Amino acid sequence: MSVETRQPRDVARRLADRARSVKSARSDGWRRETFTLERGEARAKAREWFDLYPKAAYMTEIEFWRELEDGRIEFTIRRLPSAD
């Protein structure tokens, strides 16, 4: 049985590698897309997503939205990558 000695730099390197891999690929499993559109276009885009990815199958939802000063709507839609 060998005893492994760990240096602080080894721990730091491992944590940095893990942070980079999490940053490059979201680990929560959701697909997200953010749009900034006029109000009517935003409604149409949301309807399009809900038609393509029904809420019952993909758990599609508007995760975040806000009205910008110029009247456009910024919103993020999230969904599962596939339906089982």
Protein backbone atom coordinates (compact mmCIF):
# COMPACT_ATOMS: atom_id res chain seq x y z
CA MET A 1 0.00 0.00 0.00
CA SER A 2 1.53 3.30 -1.04
CA VAL A 3 1.01 6.58 0.73
CA GLU A 4 0.31 9.48 -1.62
CA THR A 5 1.52 12.86 -0.49
CA ARG A 6 -0.55 15.76 -1.73
CA GLN A 7 0.89 19.17 -2.14
CA PRO A 8 -1.29 22.28 -2.02
CA ARG A 9 -0.42 22.94 -5.66
CA ASP A 10 -1.83 19.49 -6.61
CA VAL A 11 -5.13 20.28 -4.93
CA ALA A 12 -5.23 23.74 -6.54
CA ARG A 13 -4.51 22.27 -9.98
CA ARG A 14 -7.26 19.65 -9.58
CA LEU A 15 -9.79 22.28 -8.49
CA ALA A 16 -8.85 24.57 -11.37
CA ASP A 17 -9.24 21.72 -13.86
CA ARG A 18 -12.66 20.88 -12.44
CA ALA A 19 -13.77 24.53 -12.62
CA ARG A 20 -12.69 24.75 -16.27
CA SER A 21 -14.59 21.61 -17.21
CA VAL A 22 -17.76 22.80 -15.46
CA LYS A 23 -17.50 26.20 -17.10
CA SER A 24 -17.11 24.73 -20.60
CA ALA A 25 -20.06 22.33 -20.26
CA ARG A 26 -22.94 23.20 -17.98
CA SER A 27 -23.50 20.35 -15.61
CA ASP A 28 -27.15 21.06 -14.83
CA GLY A 29 -28.41 19.41 -18.06
CA TRP A 30 -30.57 22.29 -19.32
CA ARG A 31 -30.34 23.86 -22.78
CA ARG A 32 -30.74 27.63 -22.67
CA GLU A 33 -31.07 30.31 -25.29
CA THR A 34 -31.39 34.05 -24.74
CA PHE A 35 -33.24 36.38 -27.12
CA THR A 36 -33.72 40.14 -27.31
CA LEU A 37 -36.71 40.97 -29.52
CA GLU A 38 -39.59 43.37 -29.96
CA ARG A 39 -42.62 42.41 -27.85
CA GLY A 40 -44.60 40.77 -30.69
CA GLU A 41 -41.55 38.91 -32.00
CA ALA A 42 -40.72 37.75 -28.47
CA ARG A 43 -44.22 36.28 -28.08
CA ALA A 44 -43.93 34.53 -31.43
CA LYS A 45 -40.50 33.11 -30.55
CA ALA A 46 -41.75 31.81 -27.20
CA ARG A 47 -44.76 30.17 -28.91
CA GLU A 48 -42.43 28.62 -31.47
CA TRP A 49 -40.29 27.09 -28.72
CA PHE A 50 -43.30 25.77 -26.81
CA ASP A 51 -44.62 24.23 -30.05
CA LEU A 52 -41.26 22.63 -30.89
CA TYR A 53 -40.47 21.58 -27.31
CA PRO A 54 -43.73 20.98 -25.41
CA LYS A 55 -43.59 21.76 -21.72
CA ALA A 56 -44.88 18.31 -20.75
CA ALA A 57 -42.05 16.52 -22.55
CA TYR A 58 -39.12 18.97 -22.34
CA MET A 59 -40.05 20.96 -19.23
CA THR A 60 -39.70 24.10 -21.37
CA GLU A 61 -40.04 27.38 -19.49
CA ILE A 62 -39.19 31.05 -19.65
CA GLU A 63 -36.42 31.16 -17.08
CA PHE A 64 -35.91 34.93 -17.06
CA TRP A 65 -37.35 37.95 -18.79
CA ARG A 66 -37.18 41.75 -18.58
CA GLU A 67 -38.30 44.75 -20.56
CA LEU A 68 -35.43 46.93 -21.75
CA GLU A 69 -35.59 50.74 -21.83
CA ASP A 70 -36.18 50.73 -25.58
CA GLY A 71 -39.25 48.49 -25.18
CA ARG A 72 -37.65 45.28 -26.40
CA ILE A 73 -37.96 42.11 -24.34
CA GLU A 74 -34.90 40.10 -23.27
CA PHE A 75 -35.68 36.57 -22.19
CA THR A 76 -34.05 33.21 -21.61
CA ILE A 77 -35.84 29.96 -22.42
CA ARG A 78 -34.66 26.69 -20.97
CA ARG A 79 -35.55 23.11 -21.84
CA LEU A 80 -34.26 19.60 -21.40
CA PRO A 81 -32.11 18.41 -24.31
CA SER A 82 -34.40 15.49 -25.15
CA ALA A 83 -37.69 13.94 -24.14
CA ASP A 84 -37.76 10.39 -22.82
